[in-house]
Amino acid sequence: QVHVVESGGGLVQPGGSLRLSCVASSVTARRYTMGWYRQSERRLRELVAEVWSDGTTNYADSLKDRFTISKGSARNTVYLQMNSLKPEDTAVYLCSVRFGGYDYWGQGIQVTVSS
């Protein structure tokens, strides 16, 4: 059974940075995609960034200048570096892993940007 676990969220002041981590266990596929999404009361779930197993990345256009997704050295680990955070970045951030035609989701982690 695939488990996806996020960590690293919390409260940060505007202009600050956070790094989110995600680990997915029991991923047996050679080819997979891991991604970060976010959702809030004001927004439906939206893609933040995703990375394929070969390292190819894709970003939401509005976030690519401030957010960076990267693969960890450990298999099935992905990070999201978020810089110059704004109050509108406040959301629950969810990690997903996609392979074999299925999406597996973590429970999400709260990121709050506020002074």
Protein backbone atom coordinates (compact mmCIF):
# COMPACT_ATOMS: atom_id res chain seq x y z
CA GLN A 1 0.00 0.00 0.00
CA VAL A 2 1.33 3.40 -0.98
CA HIS A 3 1.71 5.96 1.77
CA VAL A 4 2.45 9.61 1.11
CA VAL A 5 3.60 11.79 3.99
CA GLU A 6 4.26 15.53 3.92
CA SER A 7 6.25 17.57 6.41
CA GLY A 8 7.74 21.03 6.85
CA GLY A 9 4.71 23.28 6.88
CA GLY A 10 3.90 25.93 9.43
CA LEU A 11 3.61 29.65 9.98
CA VAL A 12 5.95 32.05 8.20
CA GLN A 13 6.03 35.80 7.77
CA PRO A 14 5.52 37.40 4.37
CA GLY A 15 8.76 37.34 2.42
CA GLY A 16 9.99 34.28 4.27
CA SER A 17 10.82 30.79 3.05
CA LEU A 18 9.75 27.24 3.80
CA ARG A 19 10.79 23.87 2.49
CA LEU A 20 8.24 21.10 2.31
CA SER A 21 9.23 17.46 2.17
CA CYS A 22 7.32 14.47 0.88
CA VAL A 23 8.09 10.80 1.10
CA ALA A 24 6.12 8.12 -0.71
CA SER A 25 6.56 4.54 0.36
CA SER A 26 5.90 1.33 -1.58
CA VAL A 27 6.28 2.93 -5.00
CA THR A 28 7.50 0.08 -7.16
CA ALA A 29 7.17 1.68 -10.59
CA ARG A 30 10.27 2.83 -12.46
CA ARG A 31 8.37 5.73 -13.97
CA TYR A 32 6.29 7.94 -11.74
CA THR A 33 5.45 11.54 -11.10
CA MET A 34 5.50 13.31 -7.78
CA GLY A 35 3.87 16.64 -7.36
CA TRP A 36 2.72 19.34 -5.01
CA TYR A 37 -0.76 20.81 -5.09
CA ARG A 38 -2.48 23.29 -2.87
CA GLN A 39 -6.01 24.16 -1.90
CA SER A 40 -7.69 26.72 0.30
CA GLU A 41 -11.12 28.12 1.04
CA ARG A 42 -10.64 30.55 -1.83
CA ARG A 43 -9.11 28.16 -4.32
CA LEU A 44 -9.84 24.77 -5.66
CA ARG A 45 -6.98 22.32 -5.67
CA GLU A 46 -4.33 23.56 -8.06
CA LEU A 47 -1.01 22.27 -9.28
CA VAL A 48 2.03 23.93 -7.77
CA ALA A 49 4.80 21.83 -9.32
CA GLU A 50 5.56 18.28 -10.36
CA VAL A 51 8.61 16.26 -11.20
CA TRP A 52 8.92 13.12 -13.24
CA SER A 53 11.18 10.23 -12.33
CA ASP A 54 13.60 11.35 -15.07
CA GLY A 55 13.90 14.78 -13.44
CA THR A 56 11.68 16.74 -15.80
CA THR A 57 9.75 19.43 -13.95
CA ASN A 58 6.58 21.38 -14.54
CA TYR A 59 5.37 24.44 -12.64
CA ALA A 60 2.34 26.62 -12.35
CA ASP A 61 3.32 29.68 -14.35
CA SER A 62 2.51 32.06 -11.52
CA LEU A 63 4.78 30.23 -9.06
CA LYS A 64 7.85 29.14 -11.00
CA ASP A 65 9.85 32.22 -10.08
CA ARG A 66 9.47 31.61 -6.35
CA PHE A 67 8.98 27.86 -5.90
CA THR A 68 11.38 25.05 -6.75
CA ILE A 69 10.62 21.35 -6.78
CA SER A 70 13.44 18.86 -6.49
CA LYS A 71 13.98 15.17 -6.02
CA GLY A 72 15.73 13.93 -2.95
CA SER A 73 18.63 11.51 -2.94
CA ALA A 74 16.38 8.91 -1.38
CA ARG A 75 13.99 7.22 -3.73
CA ASN A 76 10.49 8.66 -3.86
CA THR A 77 11.37 11.80 -1.94
CA VAL A 78 10.55 15.25 -3.21
CA TYR A 79 10.98 18.74 -1.84
CA LEU A 80 9.29 22.05 -2.49
CA GLN A 81 11.37 25.12 -1.73
CA MET A 82 9.12 28.15 -1.36
CA ASN A 83 10.68 31.61 -1.29
CA SER A 84 9.30 35.14 -1.04
CA LEU A 85 6.10 33.79 0.41
CA LYS A 86 2.96 35.88 0.22
CA PRO A 87 -0.24 35.76 2.27
CA GLU A 88 -2.03 34.39 -0.79
CA ASP A 89 0.24 31.34 -0.64
CA THR A 90 -1.59 30.31 2.51
CA ALA A 91 -3.12 26.92 1.80
CA VAL A 92 -3.03 23.24 2.53
CA TYR A 93 -0.25 21.76 0.45
CA LEU A 94 -0.68 18.19 -0.69
CA CYS A 95 1.85 15.81 -2.14
CA SER A 96 0.88 13.24 -4.72
CA VAL A 97 2.55 10.37 -6.49
CA ARG A 98 1.20 9.08 -9.77
CA PHE A 99 1.97 5.77 -11.41
CA GLY A 100 0.12 2.91 -12.99
CA GLY A 101 -2.83 5.16 -13.74
CA TYR A 102 -3.47 6.02 -10.13
CA ASP A 103 -2.87 9.06 -7.95
CA TYR A 104 -1.94 8.62 -4.32
CA TRP A 105 -2.27 11.56 -1.97
CA GLY A 106 -0.93 12.61 1.35
CA GLN A 107 -3.15 14.15 3.98
CA GLY A 108 -1.78 17.62 3.33
CA ILE A 109 0.10 20.10 5.42
CA GLN A 110 -0.88 23.63 6.37
CA VAL A 111 1.23 26.57 5.25
CA THR A 112 0.22 29.93 6.68
CA VAL A 113 1.86 33.16 5.57
CA SER A 114 1.02 35.93 7.99
CA SER A 115 2.62 38.67 10.02
